[in-house]
Amino acid sequence: MADNRYVDYEYDTATDKLGRITQRKDGNGTAPERVTSYTYVAGDPSVAGSTTSLIESITQPGLNLSYTYDDVGNILTEVKNDKTTS
């Protein structure tokens, strides 16, 4: 009996100059490709080009997430498809 549970899965990522993932494309070759995009919280505004590793938002079809953080990087709020939790 053949084992039909194997799924061929592929993904491709794009990164920024700091190596953080900015986009990920997922697919298995038959279903429509799903694209997930990531943005990051800006760093110190007094330092040009400053940034952080904290994720500001994640978006993909049917899902929009965004986060706010306290001064030490702890998540204060999460907004999921316009519904806020804290």
PDB file of N, CA and C in Angstrom:
ATOM      1  N   MET A   1       0.847  -1.173   0.000  1.00  0.00           N
ATOM      2  CA  MET A   1       0.000   0.000   0.000  1.00  0.00           C
ATOM      3  C   MET A   1       0.899   1.245   0.000  1.00  0.00           C
ATOM      4  N   ALA A   2       0.572   2.190  -0.828  1.00  0.00           N
ATOM      5  CA  ALA A   2       1.369   3.415  -0.940  1.00  0.00           C
ATOM      6  C   ALA A   2       1.086   4.343   0.237  1.00  0.00           C
ATOM      7  N   ASP A   3       2.118   5.042   0.675  1.00  0.00           N
ATOM      8  CA  ASP A   3       1.974   6.028   1.745  1.00  0.00           C
ATOM      9  C   ASP A   3       1.747   7.386   1.095  1.00  0.00           C
ATOM     10  N   ASN A   4       0.524   7.875   1.125  1.00  0.00           N
ATOM     11  CA  ASN A   4       0.173   9.136   0.464  1.00  0.00           C
ATOM     12  C   ASN A   4       0.209  10.321   1.414  1.00  0.00           C
ATOM     13  N   ARG A   5       0.844  10.180   2.555  1.00  0.00           N
ATOM     14  CA  ARG A   5       0.897  11.275   3.527  1.00  0.00           C
ATOM     15  C   ARG A   5       2.015  12.271   3.241  1.00  0.00           C
ATOM     16  N   TYR A   6       2.920  11.949   2.336  1.00  0.00           N
ATOM     17  CA  TYR A   6       4.037  12.836   2.033  1.00  0.00           C
ATOM     18  C   TYR A   6       3.538  14.042   1.240  1.00  0.00           C
ATOM     19  N   VAL A   7       3.922  15.223   1.667  1.00  0.00           N
ATOM     20  CA  VAL A   7       3.553  16.458   0.972  1.00  0.00           C
ATOM     21  C   VAL A   7       4.829  17.178   0.581  1.00  0.00           C
ATOM     22  N   ASP A   8       4.944  17.491  -0.686  1.00  0.00           N
ATOM     23  CA  ASP A   8       6.082  18.266  -1.160  1.00  0.00           C
ATOM     24  C   ASP A   8       5.836  19.721  -0.776  1.00  0.00           C
ATOM     25  N   TYR A   9       6.729  20.295   0.015  1.00  0.00           N
ATOM     26  CA  TYR A   9       6.544  21.628   0.561  1.00  0.00           C
ATOM     27  C   TYR A   9       7.754  22.478   0.220  1.00  0.00           C
ATOM     28  N   GLU A  10       7.498  23.678  -0.265  1.00  0.00           N
ATOM     29  CA  GLU A  10       8.582  24.588  -0.620  1.00  0.00           C
ATOM     30  C   GLU A  10       8.331  25.945   0.024  1.00  0.00           C
ATOM     31  N   TYR A  11       9.421  26.643   0.329  1.00  0.00           N
ATOM     32  CA  TYR A  11       9.289  28.018   0.779  1.00  0.00           C
ATOM     33  C   TYR A  11      10.507  28.812   0.338  1.00  0.00           C
ATOM     34  N   ASP A  12      10.316  30.096   0.254  1.00  0.00           N
ATOM     35  CA  ASP A  12      11.378  31.008  -0.140  1.00  0.00           C
ATOM     36  C   ASP A  12      11.282  32.215   0.779  1.00  0.00           C
ATOM     37  N   THR A  13      12.416  32.738   1.219  1.00  0.00           N
ATOM     38  CA  THR A  13      12.400  33.898   2.102  1.00  0.00           C
ATOM     39  C   THR A  13      13.217  35.040   1.503  1.00  0.00           C
ATOM     40  N   ALA A  14      12.807  36.245   1.876  1.00  0.00           N
ATOM     41  CA  ALA A  14      13.568  37.452   1.555  1.00  0.00           C
ATOM     42  C   ALA A  14      13.987  38.063   2.881  1.00  0.00           C
ATOM     43  N   THR A  15      15.189  38.607   2.926  1.00  0.00           N
ATOM     44  CA  THR A  15      15.684  39.215   4.154  1.00  0.00           C
ATOM     45  C   THR A  15      16.154  40.640   3.893  1.00  0.00           C
ATOM     46  N   ASP A  16      16.208  41.430   4.957  1.00  0.00           N
ATOM     47  CA  ASP A  16      16.767  42.778   4.842  1.00  0.00           C
ATOM     48  C   ASP A  16      18.279  42.706   5.048  1.00  0.00           C
ATOM     49  N   LYS A  17      18.937  43.846   5.041  1.00  0.00           N
ATOM     50  CA  LYS A  17      20.401  43.863   5.144  1.00  0.00           C
ATOM     51  C   LYS A  17      20.920  43.402   6.506  1.00  0.00           C
ATOM     52  N   LEU A  18      20.017  43.301   7.491  1.00  0.00           N
ATOM     53  CA  LEU A  18      20.394  42.799   8.813  1.00  0.00           C
ATOM     54  C   LEU A  18      20.111  41.312   8.967  1.00  0.00           C
ATOM     55  N   GLY A  19      19.583  40.685   7.917  1.00  0.00           N
ATOM     56  CA  GLY A  19      19.298  39.267   7.950  1.00  0.00           C
ATOM     57  C   GLY A  19      17.947  38.897   8.529  1.00  0.00           C
ATOM     58  N   ARG A  20      17.111  39.891   8.804  1.00  0.00           N
ATOM     59  CA  ARG A  20      15.771  39.620   9.331  1.00  0.00           C
ATOM     60  C   ARG A  20      14.847  39.252   8.178  1.00  0.00           C
ATOM     61  N   ILE A  21      13.988  38.277   8.398  1.00  0.00           N
ATOM     62  CA  ILE A  21      13.051  37.879   7.347  1.00  0.00           C
ATOM     63  C   ILE A  21      12.038  38.992   7.130  1.00  0.00           C
ATOM     64  N   THR A  22      11.871  39.400   5.873  1.00  0.00           N
ATOM     65  CA  THR A  22      10.883  40.416   5.528  1.00  0.00           C
ATOM     66  C   THR A  22       9.711  39.824   4.758  1.00  0.00           C
ATOM     67  N   GLN A  23       9.942  38.663   4.144  1.00  0.00           N
ATOM     68  CA  GLN A  23       8.873  38.013   3.399  1.00  0.00           C
ATOM     69  C   GLN A  23       9.156  36.518   3.290  1.00  0.00           C
ATOM     70  N   ARG A  24       8.104  35.733   3.396  1.00  0.00           N
ATOM     71  CA  ARG A  24       8.215  34.285   3.230  1.00  0.00           C
ATOM     72  C   ARG A  24       7.087  33.826   2.317  1.00  0.00           C
ATOM     73  N   LYS A  25       7.448  33.055   1.305  1.00  0.00           N
ATOM     74  CA  LYS A  25       6.467  32.491   0.382  1.00  0.00           C
ATOM     75  C   LYS A  25       6.422  30.992   0.612  1.00  0.00           C
ATOM     76  N   ASP A  26       5.217  30.475   0.906  1.00  0.00           N
ATOM     77  CA  ASP A  26       5.015  29.056   1.172  1.00  0.00           C
ATOM     78  C   ASP A  26       4.134  28.457   0.082  1.00  0.00           C
ATOM     79  N   GLY A  27       4.409  27.223  -0.253  1.00  0.00           N
ATOM     80  CA  GLY A  27       3.557  26.530  -1.202  1.00  0.00           C
ATOM     81  C   GLY A  27       3.956  25.085  -1.345  1.00  0.00           C
ATOM     82  N   ASN A  28       3.079  24.317  -1.949  1.00  0.00           N
ATOM     83  CA  ASN A  28       3.383  22.907  -2.193  1.00  0.00           C
ATOM     84  C   ASN A  28       3.320  22.562  -3.672  1.00  0.00           C
ATOM     85  N   GLY A  29       3.240  23.582  -4.522  1.00  0.00           N
ATOM     86  CA  GLY A  29       3.224  23.354  -5.960  1.00  0.00           C
ATOM     87  C   GLY A  29       1.839  23.166  -6.544  1.00  0.00           C
ATOM     88  N   THR A  30       0.835  22.906  -5.704  1.00  0.00           N
ATOM     89  CA  THR A  30      -0.517  22.724  -6.231  1.00  0.00           C
ATOM     90  C   THR A  30      -1.479  23.784  -5.715  1.00  0.00           C
ATOM     91  N   ALA A  31      -1.392  24.115  -4.451  1.00  0.00           N
ATOM     92  CA  ALA A  31      -2.265  25.136  -3.869  1.00  0.00           C
ATOM     93  C   ALA A  31      -1.688  26.516  -4.160  1.00  0.00           C
ATOM     94  N   PRO A  32      -2.522  27.552  -4.105  1.00  0.00           N
ATOM     95  CA  PRO A  32      -1.986  28.905  -4.296  1.00  0.00           C
ATOM     96  C   PRO A  32      -0.903  29.220  -3.262  1.00  0.00           C
ATOM     97  N   GLU A  33       0.097  29.938  -3.692  1.00  0.00           N
ATOM     98  CA  GLU A  33       1.202  30.325  -2.817  1.00  0.00           C
ATOM     99  C   GLU A  33       0.694  31.290  -1.745  1.00  0.00           C
ATOM    100  N   ARG A  34       1.193  31.147  -0.523  1.00  0.00           N
ATOM    101  CA  ARG A  34       0.848  32.058   0.558  1.00  0.00           C
ATOM    102  C   ARG A  34       2.063  32.921   0.870  1.00  0.00           C
ATOM    103  N   VAL A  35       1.872  34.227   0.891  1.00  0.00           N
ATOM    104  CA  VAL A  35       2.955  35.161   1.171  1.00  0.00           C
ATOM    105  C   VAL A  35       2.722  35.795   2.534  1.00  0.00           C
ATOM    106  N   THR A  36       3.744  35.719   3.393  1.00  0.00           N
ATOM    107  CA  THR A  36       3.712  36.343   4.713  1.00  0.00           C
ATOM    108  C   THR A  36       4.775  37.433   4.739  1.00  0.00           C
ATOM    109  N   SER A  37       4.376  38.632   5.173  1.00  0.00           N
ATOM    110  CA  SER A  37       5.309  39.763   5.247  1.00  0.00           C
ATOM    111  C   SER A  37       5.520  40.175   6.699  1.00  0.00           C
ATOM    112  N   TYR A  38       6.742  40.619   6.995  1.00  0.00           N
ATOM    113  CA  TYR A  38       7.125  41.011   8.349  1.00  0.00           C
ATOM    114  C   TYR A  38       7.707  42.420   8.319  1.00  0.00           C
ATOM    115  N   THR A  39       7.330  43.251   9.307  1.00  0.00           N
ATOM    116  CA  THR A  39       7.975  44.546   9.500  1.00  0.00           C
ATOM    117  C   THR A  39       8.490  44.595  10.935  1.00  0.00           C
ATOM    118  N   TYR A  40       9.432  45.502  11.174  1.00  0.00           N
ATOM    119  CA  TYR A  40      10.110  45.571  12.474  1.00  0.00           C
ATOM    120  C   TYR A  40       9.998  46.968  13.065  1.00  0.00           C
ATOM    121  N   VAL A  41      10.024  47.029  14.396  1.00  0.00           N
ATOM    122  CA  VAL A  41       9.926  48.284  15.134  1.00  0.00           C
ATOM    123  C   VAL A  41      11.181  49.116  14.884  1.00  0.00           C
ATOM    124  N   ALA A  42      10.971  50.399  14.621  1.00  0.00           N
ATOM    125  CA  ALA A  42      12.093  51.316  14.434  1.00  0.00           C
ATOM    126  C   ALA A  42      12.856  51.472  15.742  1.00  0.00           C
ATOM    127  N   GLY A  43      14.117  51.805  15.624  1.00  0.00           N
ATOM    128  CA  GLY A  43      14.955  52.003  16.805  1.00  0.00           C
ATOM    129  C   GLY A  43      14.893  53.424  17.309  1.00  0.00           C
ATOM    130  N   ASP A  44      15.948  53.854  17.925  1.00  0.00           N
ATOM    131  CA  ASP A  44      16.068  55.197  18.496  1.00  0.00           C
ATOM    132  C   ASP A  44      15.927  56.242  17.390  1.00  0.00           C
ATOM    133  N   PRO A  45      14.904  57.104  17.471  1.00  0.00           N
ATOM    134  CA  PRO A  45      14.704  58.101  16.414  1.00  0.00           C
ATOM    135  C   PRO A  45      15.840  59.123  16.295  1.00  0.00           C
ATOM    136  N   SER A  46      16.665  59.229  17.330  1.00  0.00           N
ATOM    137  CA  SER A  46      17.776  60.185  17.263  1.00  0.00           C
ATOM    138  C   SER A  46      18.985  59.595  16.534  1.00  0.00           C
ATOM    139  N   VAL A  47      18.908  58.301  16.186  1.00  0.00           N
ATOM    140  CA  VAL A  47      20.001  57.630  15.479  1.00  0.00           C
ATOM    141  C   VAL A  47      19.508  57.228  14.096  1.00  0.00           C
ATOM    142  N   ALA A  48      20.074  57.840  13.071  1.00  0.00           N
ATOM    143  CA  ALA A  48      19.646  57.572  11.698  1.00  0.00           C
ATOM    144  C   ALA A  48      19.788  56.091  11.360  1.00  0.00           C
ATOM    145  N   GLY A  49      18.734  55.506  10.792  1.00  0.00           N
ATOM    146  CA  GLY A  49      18.770  54.109  10.385  1.00  0.00           C
ATOM    147  C   GLY A  49      18.669  53.109  11.513  1.00  0.00           C
ATOM    148  N   SER A  50      18.420  53.574  12.720  1.00  0.00           N
ATOM    149  CA  SER A  50      18.346  52.692  13.871  1.00  0.00           C
ATOM    150  C   SER A  50      17.109  51.797  13.776  1.00  0.00           C
ATOM    151  N   THR A  51      17.250  50.543  14.185  1.00  0.00           N
ATOM    152  CA  THR A  51      16.144  49.603  14.133  1.00  0.00           C
ATOM    153  C   THR A  51      16.276  48.582  15.255  1.00  0.00           C
ATOM    154  N   THR A  52      15.291  47.701  15.370  1.00  0.00           N
ATOM    155  CA  THR A  52      15.299  46.673  16.406  1.00  0.00           C
ATOM    156  C   THR A  52      15.005  45.315  15.778  1.00  0.00           C
ATOM    157  N   SER A  53      15.040  44.282  16.588  1.00  0.00           N
ATOM    158  CA  SER A  53      14.649  42.946  16.131  1.00  0.00           C
ATOM    159  C   SER A  53      13.205  42.632  16.509  1.00  0.00           C
ATOM    160  N   LEU A  54      12.503  43.608  17.096  1.00  0.00           N
ATOM    161  CA  LEU A  54      11.114  43.405  17.515  1.00  0.00           C
ATOM    162  C   LEU A  54      10.183  43.464  16.306  1.00  0.00           C
ATOM    163  N   ILE A  55       9.325  42.471  16.180  1.00  0.00           N
ATOM    164  CA  ILE A  55       8.382  42.440  15.058  1.00  0.00           C
ATOM    165  C   ILE A  55       7.259  43.432  15.311  1.00  0.00           C
ATOM    166  N   GLU A  56       7.027  44.304  14.335  1.00  0.00           N
ATOM    167  CA  GLU A  56       5.941  45.274  14.419  1.00  0.00           C
ATOM    168  C   GLU A  56       4.658  44.694  13.840  1.00  0.00           C
ATOM    169  N   SER A  57       4.775  43.999  12.688  1.00  0.00           N
ATOM    170  CA  SER A  57       3.579  43.420  12.088  1.00  0.00           C
ATOM    171  C   SER A  57       3.913  42.186  11.268  1.00  0.00           C
ATOM    172  N   ILE A  58       2.907  41.322  11.171  1.00  0.00           N
ATOM    173  CA  ILE A  58       2.955  40.131  10.328  1.00  0.00           C
ATOM    174  C   ILE A  58       1.653  40.124   9.540  1.00  0.00           C
ATOM    175  N   THR A  59       1.754  40.038   8.223  1.00  0.00           N
ATOM    176  CA  THR A  59       0.545  40.007   7.403  1.00  0.00           C
ATOM    177  C   THR A  59       0.612  38.848   6.419  1.00  0.00           C
ATOM    178  N   GLN A  60      -0.547  38.231   6.225  1.00  0.00           N
ATOM    179  CA  GLN A  60      -0.723  37.195   5.213  1.00  0.00           C
ATOM    180  C   GLN A  60      -2.208  37.174   4.883  1.00  0.00           C
ATOM    181  N   PRO A  61      -2.604  36.517   3.815  1.00  0.00           N
ATOM    182  CA  PRO A  61      -4.026  36.512   3.466  1.00  0.00           C
ATOM    183  C   PRO A  61      -4.894  36.037   4.634  1.00  0.00           C
ATOM    184  N   GLY A  62      -5.820  36.874   5.045  1.00  0.00           N
ATOM    185  CA  GLY A  62      -6.736  36.531   6.126  1.00  0.00           C
ATOM    186  C   GLY A  62      -6.216  36.750   7.529  1.00  0.00           C
ATOM    187  N   LEU A  63      -4.980  37.227   7.672  1.00  0.00           N
ATOM    188  CA  LEU A  63      -4.417  37.426   9.006  1.00  0.00           C
ATOM    189  C   LEU A  63      -3.521  38.660   9.024  1.00  0.00           C
ATOM    190  N   ASN A  64      -3.847  39.576   9.921  1.00  0.00           N
ATOM    191  CA  ASN A  64      -3.027  40.765  10.146  1.00  0.00           C
ATOM    192  C   ASN A  64      -2.747  40.865  11.636  1.00  0.00           C
ATOM    193  N   LEU A  65      -1.474  40.792  12.001  1.00  0.00           N
ATOM    194  CA  LEU A  65      -1.052  40.908  13.392  1.00  0.00           C
ATOM    195  C   LEU A  65      -0.168  42.135  13.545  1.00  0.00           C
ATOM    196  N   SER A  66      -0.317  42.842  14.658  1.00  0.00           N
ATOM    197  CA  SER A  66       0.619  43.916  14.980  1.00  0.00           C
ATOM    198  C   SER A  66       0.836  43.921  16.485  1.00  0.00           C
ATOM    199  N   TYR A  67       1.991  44.436  16.882  1.00  0.00           N
ATOM    200  CA  TYR A  67       2.401  44.386  18.286  1.00  0.00           C
ATOM    201  C   TYR A  67       2.898  45.742  18.750  1.00  0.00           C
ATOM    202  N   THR A  68       2.678  46.016  20.052  1.00  0.00           N
ATOM    203  CA  THR A  68       3.344  47.146  20.707  1.00  0.00           C
ATOM    204  C   THR A  68       4.130  46.568  21.879  1.00  0.00           C
ATOM    205  N   TYR A  69       5.171  47.295  22.273  1.00  0.00           N
ATOM    206  CA  TYR A  69       6.106  46.806  23.287  1.00  0.00           C
ATOM    207  C   TYR A  69       6.358  47.871  24.345  1.00  0.00           C
ATOM    208  N   ASP A  70       6.768  47.427  25.524  1.00  0.00           N
ATOM    209  CA  ASP A  70       7.199  48.373  26.550  1.00  0.00           C
ATOM    210  C   ASP A  70       8.665  48.732  26.304  1.00  0.00           C
ATOM    211  N   ASP A  71       9.251  49.521  27.194  1.00  0.00           N
ATOM    212  CA  ASP A  71      10.613  50.025  26.997  1.00  0.00           C
ATOM    213  C   ASP A  71      11.693  48.948  27.018  1.00  0.00           C
ATOM    214  N   VAL A  72      11.390  47.769  27.560  1.00  0.00           N
ATOM    215  CA  VAL A  72      12.395  46.705  27.595  1.00  0.00           C
ATOM    216  C   VAL A  72      12.082  45.558  26.622  1.00  0.00           C
ATOM    217  N   GLY A  73      11.074  45.760  25.760  1.00  0.00           N
ATOM    218  CA  GLY A  73      10.800  44.783  24.714  1.00  0.00           C
ATOM    219  C   GLY A  73       9.745  43.744  25.009  1.00  0.00           C
ATOM    220  N   ASN A  74       9.024  43.898  26.108  1.00  0.00           N
ATOM    221  CA  ASN A  74       7.922  42.976  26.406  1.00  0.00           C
ATOM    222  C   ASN A  74       6.684  43.394  25.614  1.00  0.00           C
ATOM    223  N   ILE A  75       5.947  42.424  25.103  1.00  0.00           N
ATOM    224  CA  ILE A  75       4.736  42.738  24.347  1.00  0.00           C
ATOM    225  C   ILE A  75       3.688  43.332  25.278  1.00  0.00           C
ATOM    226  N   LEU A  76       3.171  44.511  24.888  1.00  0.00           N
ATOM    227  CA  LEU A  76       2.083  45.146  25.635  1.00  0.00           C
ATOM    228  C   LEU A  76       0.734  44.771  25.027  1.00  0.00           C
ATOM    229  N   THR A  77       0.638  44.867  23.704  1.00  0.00           N
ATOM    230  CA  THR A  77      -0.623  44.553  23.027  1.00  0.00           C
ATOM    231  C   THR A  77      -0.347  43.792  21.741  1.00  0.00           C
ATOM    232  N   GLU A  78      -1.358  42.997  21.378  1.00  0.00           N
ATOM    233  CA  GLU A  78      -1.363  42.321  20.082  1.00  0.00           C
ATOM    234  C   GLU A  78      -2.692  42.663  19.431  1.00  0.00           C
ATOM    235  N   VAL A  79      -2.639  43.078  18.182  1.00  0.00           N
ATOM    236  CA  VAL A  79      -3.855  43.334  17.419  1.00  0.00           C
ATOM    237  C   VAL A  79      -3.923  42.263  16.343  1.00  0.00           C
ATOM    238  N   LYS A  80      -4.998  41.482  16.393  1.00  0.00           N
ATOM    239  CA  LYS A  80      -5.199  40.403  15.419  1.00  0.00           C
ATOM    240  C   LYS A  80      -6.481  40.701  14.652  1.00  0.00           C
ATOM    241  N   ASN A  81      -6.303  41.001  13.369  1.00  0.00           N
ATOM    242  CA  ASN A  81      -7.465  41.332  12.520  1.00  0.00           C
ATOM    243  C   ASN A  81      -8.381  42.344  13.196  1.00  0.00           C
ATOM    244  N   ASP A  82      -7.809  43.440  13.663  1.00  0.00           N
ATOM    245  CA  ASP A  82      -8.505  44.577  14.275  1.00  0.00           C
ATOM    246  C   ASP A  82      -9.053  44.313  15.681  1.00  0.00           C
ATOM    247  N   LYS A  83      -8.713  43.193  16.300  1.00  0.00           N
ATOM    248  CA  LYS A  83      -9.134  42.922  17.681  1.00  0.00           C
ATOM    249  C   LYS A  83      -7.901  42.977  18.578  1.00  0.00           C
ATOM    250  N   THR A  84      -7.926  43.869  19.566  1.00  0.00           N
ATOM    251  CA  THR A  84      -6.780  44.101  20.443  1.00  0.00           C
ATOM    252  C   THR A  84      -6.848  43.235  21.701  1.00  0.00           C
ATOM    253  N   THR A  85      -5.713  42.635  22.044  1.00  0.00           N
ATOM    254  CA  THR A  85      -5.583  41.932  23.317  1.00  0.00           C
ATOM    255  C   THR A  85      -4.370  42.503  24.045  1.00  0.00           C
ATOM    256  N   SER A  86      -4.396  42.457  25.356  1.00  0.00           N
ATOM    257  CA  SER A  86      -3.242  42.960  26.121  1.00  0.00           C
ATOM    258  C   SER A  86      -3.006  42.091  27.334  1.00  0.00           C
TER     259      SER A  86
END
